[in-house]
Amino acid sequence: MHLVWKTYHFSPKSKRDLKTLGSQLGIDVLQPTRVKGSRWLPHVSRALDVFIKPVKDGDLVKDESQYAAVLQHMEHLASTSPKAEIKGRALNVSRAMKEASSVAFCHFLADMFQILGKLSLHFQRNDLILPSTLSILKETIANIKYLAKQPISGGRMEALIKSFENQQSDPPMFQGIQLTQPNAGRCASRIHYSDAVQTSIDQAVQLCLQGLEDKFGSLLQLTSPSKKYAAVHEIISDLTVFNHDAWPTDMEVLLNFGREKVKHLIKWFQAPLLSSGCDVSAVQSQWLSLKVLVHSNFMDKGYNDLWAMLMTKEPYKDDLKDVLSLVQILLVLPLSAGQCERAISAQNRIKNCHRSSLAPKTVEDLIGISAEGPAVSEFNSTPAVDEWFASSKKR
């Protein structure tokens, strides 16, 4: 896909010819997008979506779309281009695109990046919390492992396999293209993949799982953390004790649940707790009261709603104030840099070359409004305009 992007990115003529061919075929051809980039997940996912984009509500077997248009143009370049570099590149690309193994692997990658995309979107949320993060990580790893054996329901690979199975021709067709390697991807079960396709799939899954393990393995207790970070990861694990959805349902078991973890948390965060006025000696007794209260009355509440209520309403915020100090540490734990990155992007939009003299306080306020404030469509500007008109100094 990088070679396809390179062909059209550096050659306006090839880009025009592809558009012309698409219009002749009645295809809405999109510009092939870049695979490599700093934001690797969106780049690859977008490039795959463009590359194998099917006709809406169309037939994968007969209806020509982006893939077929690119292949036909590559074959044209391979036979007519006067430049040896472009000619050789187009020949290699067209040969690979005709292989059923390449078509199947592209559809597999699209499904895998759909799973990773869900994880990526979760980490970009402002309301990110530790229990849901651990849950989505475990779900992602399980889905990736399952993907090596069976395509996801409703995914690209499943649709491709069904189209292959319904064909009578051998080799199968895809978007009007007679594919080569007739046994590569004809059936749904794993054992009917060709060795080349299954080997590529297994390698991709292992690389993906290894990357997730390197990044989140110690958090999920898949790997042993280094001595430098072992205590930190133990604390993160202890903080999951406040996930009330995972508490025991039996009252006798619940009474002793989490006692050691809370004790460890008190010891670790003793300095900030004491500086905030927390009575650390009362945390354990309040922890017991908290468990009984939530188990008896509030198990139906969501994670954020539960803690928001306990921290803001009487008598809970006073009766449980010391143990809630530990919960506050959990709620402000930074699990993702997504919100910080959005704030930096907002700063770049606000303080540009045309507004370079803004005071730091003004920039800070505008960034806060951009990140946390209401949408422009919901903002009532009348009071601000009236105040500006009423002021004596206008700039």
Protein backbone atom coordinates (compact mmCIF):
# COMPACT_ATOMS: atom_id res chain seq x y z
CA MET A 1 0.00 0.00 0.00
CA HIS A 2 2.95 2.31 0.56
CA LEU A 3 4.04 1.76 -3.05
CA VAL A 4 0.51 2.51 -4.26
CA TRP A 5 0.47 5.76 -2.26
CA LYS A 6 3.96 6.66 -3.51
CA THR A 7 2.88 6.19 -7.13
CA TYR A 8 0.05 8.71 -6.91
CA HIS A 9 1.51 11.10 -4.32
CA PHE A 10 4.59 11.97 -6.39
CA SER A 11 2.95 11.84 -9.82
CA PRO A 12 0.08 14.26 -10.55
CA LYS A 13 -0.27 12.62 -13.98
CA SER A 14 -0.84 9.18 -12.44
CA LYS A 15 -3.37 10.73 -10.07
CA ARG A 16 -5.26 12.32 -12.99
CA ASP A 17 -5.15 9.09 -14.98
CA LEU A 18 -6.59 7.14 -12.04
CA LYS A 19 -9.43 9.65 -11.68
CA THR A 20 -10.12 9.45 -15.43
CA LEU A 21 -10.15 5.65 -15.35
CA GLY A 22 -12.48 5.72 -12.36
CA SER A 23 -14.94 8.01 -14.15
CA GLN A 24 -14.89 5.73 -17.21
CA LEU A 25 -15.67 2.74 -15.00
CA GLY A 26 -18.30 4.68 -13.05
CA ILE A 27 -16.27 4.44 -9.84
CA ASP A 28 -15.84 7.18 -7.26
CA VAL A 29 -12.07 6.81 -6.91
CA LEU A 30 -10.43 8.19 -3.79
CA GLN A 31 -6.86 9.36 -3.42
CA PRO A 32 -4.79 6.45 -1.99
CA THR A 33 -3.69 7.54 1.47
CA ARG A 34 -0.39 7.21 3.27
CA VAL A 35 0.33 4.15 5.39
CA LYS A 36 3.36 5.48 7.24
CA GLY A 37 3.02 8.39 9.64
CA SER A 38 3.33 9.54 13.22
CA ARG A 39 -0.29 8.54 13.92
CA TRP A 40 0.28 4.99 12.67
CA LEU A 41 -3.08 3.51 13.64
CA PRO A 42 -5.30 6.06 11.84
CA HIS A 43 -2.94 6.13 8.86
CA VAL A 44 -3.01 2.36 8.27
CA SER A 45 -6.72 2.04 9.03
CA ARG A 46 -7.63 4.85 6.63
CA ALA A 47 -5.33 3.48 3.91
CA LEU A 48 -6.95 0.04 4.19
CA ASP A 49 -10.46 1.48 4.07
CA VAL A 50 -9.64 3.40 0.90
CA PHE A 51 -7.74 0.51 -0.71
CA ILE A 52 -10.42 -2.19 -0.37
CA LYS A 53 -13.44 0.12 -0.31
CA PRO A 54 -16.39 -1.89 -1.68
CA VAL A 55 -19.36 -0.60 -3.62
CA LYS A 56 -22.10 0.39 -1.19
CA ASP A 57 -24.63 -2.46 -1.04
CA GLY A 58 -22.79 -3.99 -3.98
CA ASP A 59 -21.43 -7.41 -4.91
CA LEU A 60 -17.84 -8.07 -3.85
CA VAL A 61 -17.45 -10.49 -6.74
CA LYS A 62 -18.55 -8.43 -9.75
CA ASP A 63 -18.93 -4.77 -8.80
CA GLU A 64 -15.72 -2.89 -9.56
CA SER A 65 -14.49 -0.38 -7.00
CA GLN A 66 -11.28 1.27 -5.76
CA TYR A 67 -9.23 -1.94 -5.72
CA ALA A 68 -10.14 -2.84 -9.30
CA ALA A 69 -9.46 0.69 -10.57
CA VAL A 70 -6.01 0.82 -8.94
CA LEU A 71 -5.12 -2.63 -10.31
CA GLN A 72 -6.15 -1.72 -13.88
CA HIS A 73 -4.13 1.49 -13.73
CA MET A 74 -1.11 -0.34 -12.32
CA GLU A 75 -1.30 -2.83 -15.20
CA HIS A 76 -1.47 0.12 -17.61
CA LEU A 77 1.63 1.72 -16.03
CA ALA A 78 3.48 -1.61 -16.12
CA SER A 79 3.03 -1.84 -19.89
CA THR A 80 3.26 1.80 -21.01
CA SER A 81 5.42 3.76 -18.53
CA PRO A 82 8.74 4.88 -20.06
CA LYS A 83 10.43 4.97 -16.63
CA ALA A 84 11.92 1.68 -15.49
CA GLU A 85 11.38 2.46 -11.80
CA ILE A 86 7.65 3.17 -12.20
CA LYS A 87 7.24 0.27 -14.61
CA GLY A 88 8.87 -2.22 -12.23
CA ARG A 89 6.96 -0.91 -9.22
CA ALA A 90 3.64 -1.10 -11.06
CA LEU A 91 4.40 -4.64 -12.24
CA ASN A 92 5.18 -5.85 -8.71
CA VAL A 93 2.11 -4.13 -7.25
CA SER A 94 -0.24 -5.50 -9.91
CA ARG A 95 1.06 -9.05 -9.43
CA ALA A 96 0.57 -8.84 -5.66
CA MET A 97 -2.91 -7.34 -6.01
CA LYS A 98 -4.04 -10.27 -8.17
CA GLU A 99 -3.17 -12.83 -5.50
CA ALA A 100 -6.06 -14.07 -3.38
CA SER A 101 -3.70 -14.18 -0.41
CA SER A 102 -3.10 -10.41 -0.68
CA VAL A 103 -6.83 -9.70 -0.90
CA ALA A 104 -7.57 -11.93 2.10
CA PHE A 105 -4.76 -10.45 4.20
CA CYS A 106 -5.87 -6.86 3.50
CA HIS A 107 -9.39 -7.73 4.69
CA PHE A 108 -7.94 -9.42 7.78
CA LEU A 109 -5.87 -6.31 8.58
CA ALA A 110 -8.95 -4.12 8.20
CA ASP A 111 -10.73 -6.22 10.85
CA MET A 112 -7.72 -6.16 13.17
CA PHE A 113 -7.37 -2.39 12.94
CA GLN A 114 -11.08 -2.04 13.60
CA ILE A 115 -10.51 -3.76 16.96
CA LEU A 116 -7.46 -1.62 17.70
CA GLY A 117 -9.37 1.48 16.66
CA LYS A 118 -11.97 0.81 19.33
CA LEU A 119 -9.18 0.64 21.93
CA SER A 120 -7.62 3.84 20.59
CA LEU A 121 -10.93 5.74 20.79
CA HIS A 122 -11.40 4.56 24.36
CA PHE A 123 -8.03 6.01 25.37
CA GLN A 124 -9.01 9.36 23.87
CA ARG A 125 -12.01 9.81 26.17
CA ASN A 126 -12.04 12.48 28.86
CA ASP A 127 -13.92 10.27 31.32
CA LEU A 128 -11.33 7.48 31.21
CA ILE A 129 -11.25 5.39 34.38
CA LEU A 130 -8.99 2.56 35.49
CA PRO A 131 -11.53 -0.33 35.69
CA SER A 132 -12.96 0.29 32.22
CA THR A 133 -9.45 0.65 30.82
CA LEU A 134 -8.41 -2.75 32.17
CA SER A 135 -11.62 -4.24 30.81
CA ILE A 136 -11.20 -2.84 27.28
CA LEU A 137 -7.56 -3.98 27.21
CA LYS A 138 -8.52 -7.54 28.11
CA GLU A 139 -11.35 -7.46 25.57
CA THR A 140 -8.98 -6.25 22.84
CA ILE A 141 -6.41 -8.97 23.54
CA ALA A 142 -9.12 -11.66 23.53
CA ASN A 143 -10.56 -10.38 20.24
CA ILE A 144 -7.14 -10.28 18.57
CA LYS A 145 -6.42 -13.85 19.64
CA TYR A 146 -9.82 -15.00 18.39
CA LEU A 147 -9.26 -13.20 15.09
CA ALA A 148 -6.41 -15.57 14.25
CA LYS A 149 -8.87 -18.48 14.25
CA GLN A 150 -12.15 -16.96 13.11
CA PRO A 151 -13.13 -13.68 11.41
CA ILE A 152 -15.18 -11.25 13.47
CA SER A 153 -18.92 -11.23 12.89
CA GLY A 154 -19.95 -8.61 10.36
CA GLY A 155 -16.34 -7.81 9.48
CA ARG A 156 -14.58 -7.38 6.16
CA MET A 157 -12.99 -10.84 6.23
CA GLU A 158 -16.30 -12.58 6.88
CA ALA A 159 -17.91 -10.79 3.93
CA LEU A 160 -14.99 -11.75 1.67
CA ILE A 161 -15.10 -15.41 2.73
CA LYS A 162 -18.84 -15.60 2.08
CA SER A 163 -18.34 -14.16 -1.40
CA PHE A 164 -15.60 -16.73 -2.08
CA GLU A 165 -17.77 -19.60 -0.83
CA ASN A 166 -20.73 -18.58 -2.99
CA GLN A 167 -18.66 -18.60 -6.17
CA GLN A 168 -18.53 -21.52 -8.53
CA SER A 169 -15.41 -20.32 -10.31
CA ASP A 170 -11.96 -21.54 -9.42
CA PRO A 171 -9.94 -19.35 -8.84
CA PRO A 172 -12.34 -16.92 -7.15
CA MET A 173 -13.09 -13.37 -8.29
CA PHE A 174 -12.97 -10.09 -6.39
CA GLN A 175 -14.37 -6.84 -7.81
CA GLY A 176 -14.35 -8.37 -11.28
CA ILE A 177 -10.72 -9.51 -10.95
CA GLN A 178 -9.81 -13.15 -11.57
CA LEU A 179 -7.50 -13.89 -8.67
CA THR A 180 -4.53 -16.24 -8.66
CA GLN A 181 -3.60 -18.85 -6.01
CA PRO A 182 -7.01 -20.57 -6.13
CA ASN A 183 -6.71 -22.29 -2.74
CA ALA A 184 -5.77 -19.15 -0.76
CA GLY A 185 -8.79 -18.15 1.22
CA ARG A 186 -11.62 -20.10 -0.36
CA CYS A 187 -13.27 -21.31 2.87
CA ALA A 188 -14.17 -19.89 6.23
CA SER A 189 -12.39 -22.30 8.57
CA ARG A 190 -8.78 -21.78 9.52
CA ILE A 191 -7.53 -25.07 8.10
CA HIS A 192 -8.64 -24.07 4.60
CA TYR A 193 -6.45 -20.98 4.45
CA SER A 194 -3.32 -21.39 2.42
CA ASP A 195 -0.16 -21.72 4.46
CA ALA A 196 1.01 -18.31 3.23
CA VAL A 197 -2.16 -16.52 4.37
CA GLN A 198 -2.32 -18.26 7.72
CA THR A 199 1.38 -17.65 8.36
CA SER A 200 0.94 -13.94 7.63
CA ILE A 201 -2.12 -13.79 9.89
CA ASP A 202 -0.32 -15.57 12.74
CA GLN A 203 2.66 -13.24 12.42
CA ALA A 204 0.44 -10.14 12.43
CA VAL A 205 -1.46 -11.37 15.49
CA GLN A 206 1.75 -12.17 17.36
CA LEU A 207 3.25 -8.76 16.56
CA CYS A 208 0.06 -7.05 17.69
CA LEU A 209 -0.15 -9.03 20.93
CA GLN A 210 3.54 -8.44 21.61
CA GLY A 211 3.05 -4.70 21.16
CA LEU A 212 0.09 -4.67 23.54
CA GLU A 213 2.03 -6.75 26.05
CA ASP A 214 5.05 -4.44 25.88
CA LYS A 215 2.83 -1.43 26.45
CA PHE A 216 0.28 -2.75 28.96
CA GLY A 217 1.62 -6.14 30.09
CA SER A 218 2.59 -5.11 33.61
CA LEU A 219 -0.70 -3.26 34.08
CA LEU A 220 -2.60 -6.41 33.09
CA GLN A 221 -0.14 -8.57 35.05
CA LEU A 222 0.85 -10.40 31.87
CA THR A 223 4.51 -9.69 32.48
CA SER A 224 6.61 -8.94 35.52
CA PRO A 225 7.42 -5.22 35.70
CA SER A 226 10.96 -4.03 36.21
CA LYS A 227 12.12 -3.37 39.75
CA LYS A 228 11.95 0.36 39.05
CA TYR A 229 8.22 0.29 38.29
CA ALA A 230 7.06 -2.77 40.27
CA ALA A 231 5.73 -0.72 43.19
CA VAL A 232 3.86 1.66 40.87
CA HIS A 233 2.10 -1.16 39.06
CA GLU A 234 1.22 -2.77 42.39
CA ILE A 235 -0.42 0.49 43.48
CA ILE A 236 -2.39 0.70 40.23
CA SER A 237 -3.60 -2.84 40.84
CA ASP A 238 -4.59 -1.93 44.40
CA LEU A 239 -6.64 1.05 43.18
CA THR A 240 -8.98 -1.31 41.32
CA VAL A 241 -10.39 -2.23 44.73
CA PHE A 242 -12.74 0.75 44.34
CA ASN A 243 -14.47 -0.80 41.33
CA HIS A 244 -17.76 -1.68 43.03
CA ASP A 245 -18.87 -3.82 40.08
CA ALA A 246 -16.18 -6.36 41.05
CA TRP A 247 -17.02 -6.52 44.74
CA PRO A 248 -18.16 -9.86 46.23
CA THR A 249 -21.93 -10.26 46.51
CA ASP A 250 -21.75 -12.18 49.77
CA MET A 251 -21.81 -9.74 52.71
CA GLU A 252 -19.49 -11.78 54.93
CA VAL A 253 -16.86 -11.96 52.19
CA LEU A 254 -17.35 -8.27 51.37
CA LEU A 255 -16.60 -7.16 54.94
CA ASN A 256 -12.99 -8.37 54.63
CA PHE A 257 -12.63 -7.53 50.95
CA GLY A 258 -9.84 -5.10 50.04
CA ARG A 259 -8.57 -4.53 53.57
CA GLU A 260 -4.92 -5.20 52.71
CA LYS A 261 -5.08 -3.21 49.48
CA VAL A 262 -6.51 -0.18 51.26
CA LYS A 263 -3.82 -0.51 53.93
CA HIS A 264 -1.16 -0.55 51.23
CA LEU A 265 -2.70 2.51 49.55
CA ILE A 266 -2.77 4.43 52.85
CA LYS A 267 0.93 3.73 53.35
CA TRP A 268 1.85 4.70 49.80
CA PHE A 269 -0.18 7.96 49.71
CA GLN A 270 0.30 8.87 53.37
CA ALA A 271 2.09 12.18 52.68
CA PRO A 272 -0.53 13.70 50.33
CA LEU A 273 -3.36 12.35 52.47
CA LEU A 274 -1.99 13.98 55.61
CA SER A 275 -1.31 17.26 53.83
CA SER A 276 -4.93 17.38 52.68
CA GLY A 277 -6.19 16.93 56.23
CA CYS A 278 -7.19 13.28 55.92
CA ASP A 279 -7.42 11.23 59.11
CA VAL A 280 -5.64 8.08 57.91
CA SER A 281 -6.59 6.19 61.08
CA ALA A 282 -10.27 6.48 60.11
CA VAL A 283 -9.90 5.22 56.54
CA GLN A 284 -10.31 1.51 57.31
CA SER A 285 -13.51 1.99 59.35
CA GLN A 286 -14.93 4.29 56.66
CA TRP A 287 -13.94 1.75 54.02
CA LEU A 288 -16.11 -0.81 55.81
CA SER A 289 -19.00 1.65 56.01
CA LEU A 290 -18.58 2.52 52.33
CA LYS A 291 -18.80 -1.13 51.23
CA VAL A 292 -21.94 -1.79 53.27
CA LEU A 293 -23.59 1.42 52.05
CA VAL A 294 -22.89 0.79 48.36
CA HIS A 295 -23.76 -2.91 48.57
CA SER A 296 -27.08 -2.16 50.27
CA ASN A 297 -28.24 0.84 48.25
CA PHE A 298 -26.18 1.82 45.22
CA MET A 299 -25.02 -1.26 43.31
CA ASP A 300 -27.22 -0.18 40.39
CA LYS A 301 -25.29 3.08 39.91
CA GLY A 302 -22.56 3.54 37.37
CA TYR A 303 -18.93 4.14 38.33
CA ASN A 304 -18.82 7.90 37.74
CA ASP A 305 -22.33 8.53 39.06
CA LEU A 306 -21.61 6.66 42.29
CA TRP A 307 -18.49 8.59 43.22
CA ALA A 308 -19.95 11.92 42.09
CA MET A 309 -22.91 11.39 44.41
CA LEU A 310 -20.83 10.26 47.40
CA MET A 311 -18.42 13.19 47.04
CA THR A 312 -21.00 15.94 46.63
CA LYS A 313 -24.04 15.00 48.71
CA GLU A 314 -24.67 15.02 52.42
CA PRO A 315 -24.17 13.08 54.62
CA TYR A 316 -21.88 10.89 52.53
CA LYS A 317 -19.21 13.49 51.70
CA ASP A 318 -18.68 14.21 55.42
CA ASP A 319 -19.17 10.74 56.88
CA LEU A 320 -16.84 9.12 54.34
CA LYS A 321 -14.51 12.03 53.60
CA ASP A 322 -11.29 10.21 54.58
CA VAL A 323 -11.77 7.10 52.45
CA LEU A 324 -13.08 9.27 49.63
CA SER A 325 -9.70 11.03 49.62
CA LEU A 326 -8.24 7.78 48.28
CA VAL A 327 -10.98 7.60 45.66
CA GLN A 328 -10.11 11.12 44.54
CA ILE A 329 -6.56 9.96 43.85
CA LEU A 330 -7.97 7.17 41.67
CA LEU A 331 -10.24 9.53 39.74
CA VAL A 332 -7.42 11.94 38.85
CA LEU A 333 -4.98 9.17 37.88
CA PRO A 334 -3.78 10.03 34.33
CA LEU A 335 -4.33 6.95 32.17
CA SER A 336 -3.99 8.68 28.83
CA ALA A 337 -2.38 11.78 27.36
CA GLY A 338 -5.29 12.31 24.96
CA GLN A 339 -6.76 15.27 26.82
CA CYS A 340 -3.33 16.92 27.10
CA GLU A 341 -2.76 16.49 23.37
CA ARG A 342 -6.14 18.05 22.62
CA ALA A 343 -5.23 21.00 24.86
CA ILE A 344 -1.97 21.48 22.92
CA SER A 345 -3.92 21.39 19.65
CA ALA A 346 -6.34 23.96 21.07
CA GLN A 347 -3.40 26.18 22.07
CA ASN A 348 -2.01 26.00 18.53
CA ARG A 349 -5.39 27.03 17.13
CA ILE A 350 -5.85 29.87 19.62
CA LYS A 351 -2.36 31.38 19.74
CA ASN A 352 -1.25 31.55 16.12
CA CYS A 353 0.70 34.06 14.05
CA HIS A 354 -2.30 36.41 13.94
CA ARG A 355 -2.93 36.30 17.71
CA SER A 356 0.59 36.05 19.10
CA SER A 357 0.19 38.79 21.74
CA LEU A 358 -2.40 37.10 23.91
CA ALA A 359 -1.62 37.12 27.61
CA PRO A 360 -0.86 33.75 29.23
CA LYS A 361 -3.97 34.02 31.43
CA THR A 362 -6.15 34.70 28.38
CA VAL A 363 -4.67 31.73 26.52
CA GLU A 364 -5.22 29.51 29.55
CA ASP A 365 -8.86 30.60 29.84
CA LEU A 366 -9.51 30.08 26.13
CA ILE A 367 -7.94 26.61 26.22
CA GLY A 368 -10.15 25.73 29.20
CA ILE A 369 -13.23 26.93 27.35
CA SER A 370 -12.23 24.98 24.25
CA ALA A 371 -11.56 21.77 26.21
CA GLU A 372 -14.29 21.89 28.86
CA GLY A 373 -16.73 24.56 27.79
CA PRO A 374 -20.05 24.13 25.94
CA ALA A 375 -20.28 23.79 22.19
CA VAL A 376 -20.43 27.01 20.16
CA SER A 377 -24.02 26.21 19.15
CA GLU A 378 -25.02 26.08 22.83
CA PHE A 379 -23.18 29.24 23.95
CA ASN A 380 -25.26 32.35 24.63
CA SER A 381 -23.05 35.26 23.63
CA THR A 382 -25.55 38.03 24.50
CA PRO A 383 -24.28 38.72 28.06
CA ALA A 384 -20.66 38.92 26.88
CA VAL A 385 -21.56 41.27 24.00
CA ASP A 386 -23.63 43.49 26.32
CA GLU A 387 -20.76 43.74 28.78
CA TRP A 388 -18.35 44.64 25.99
CA PHE A 389 -20.66 47.39 24.72
CA ALA A 390 -21.12 48.73 28.27
CA SER A 391 -17.37 48.88 29.00
CA SER A 392 -15.55 52.16 28.52
CA LYS A 393 -12.46 50.60 26.99
CA LYS A 394 -12.92 48.72 23.74
CA ARG A 395 -10.16 47.10 21.73
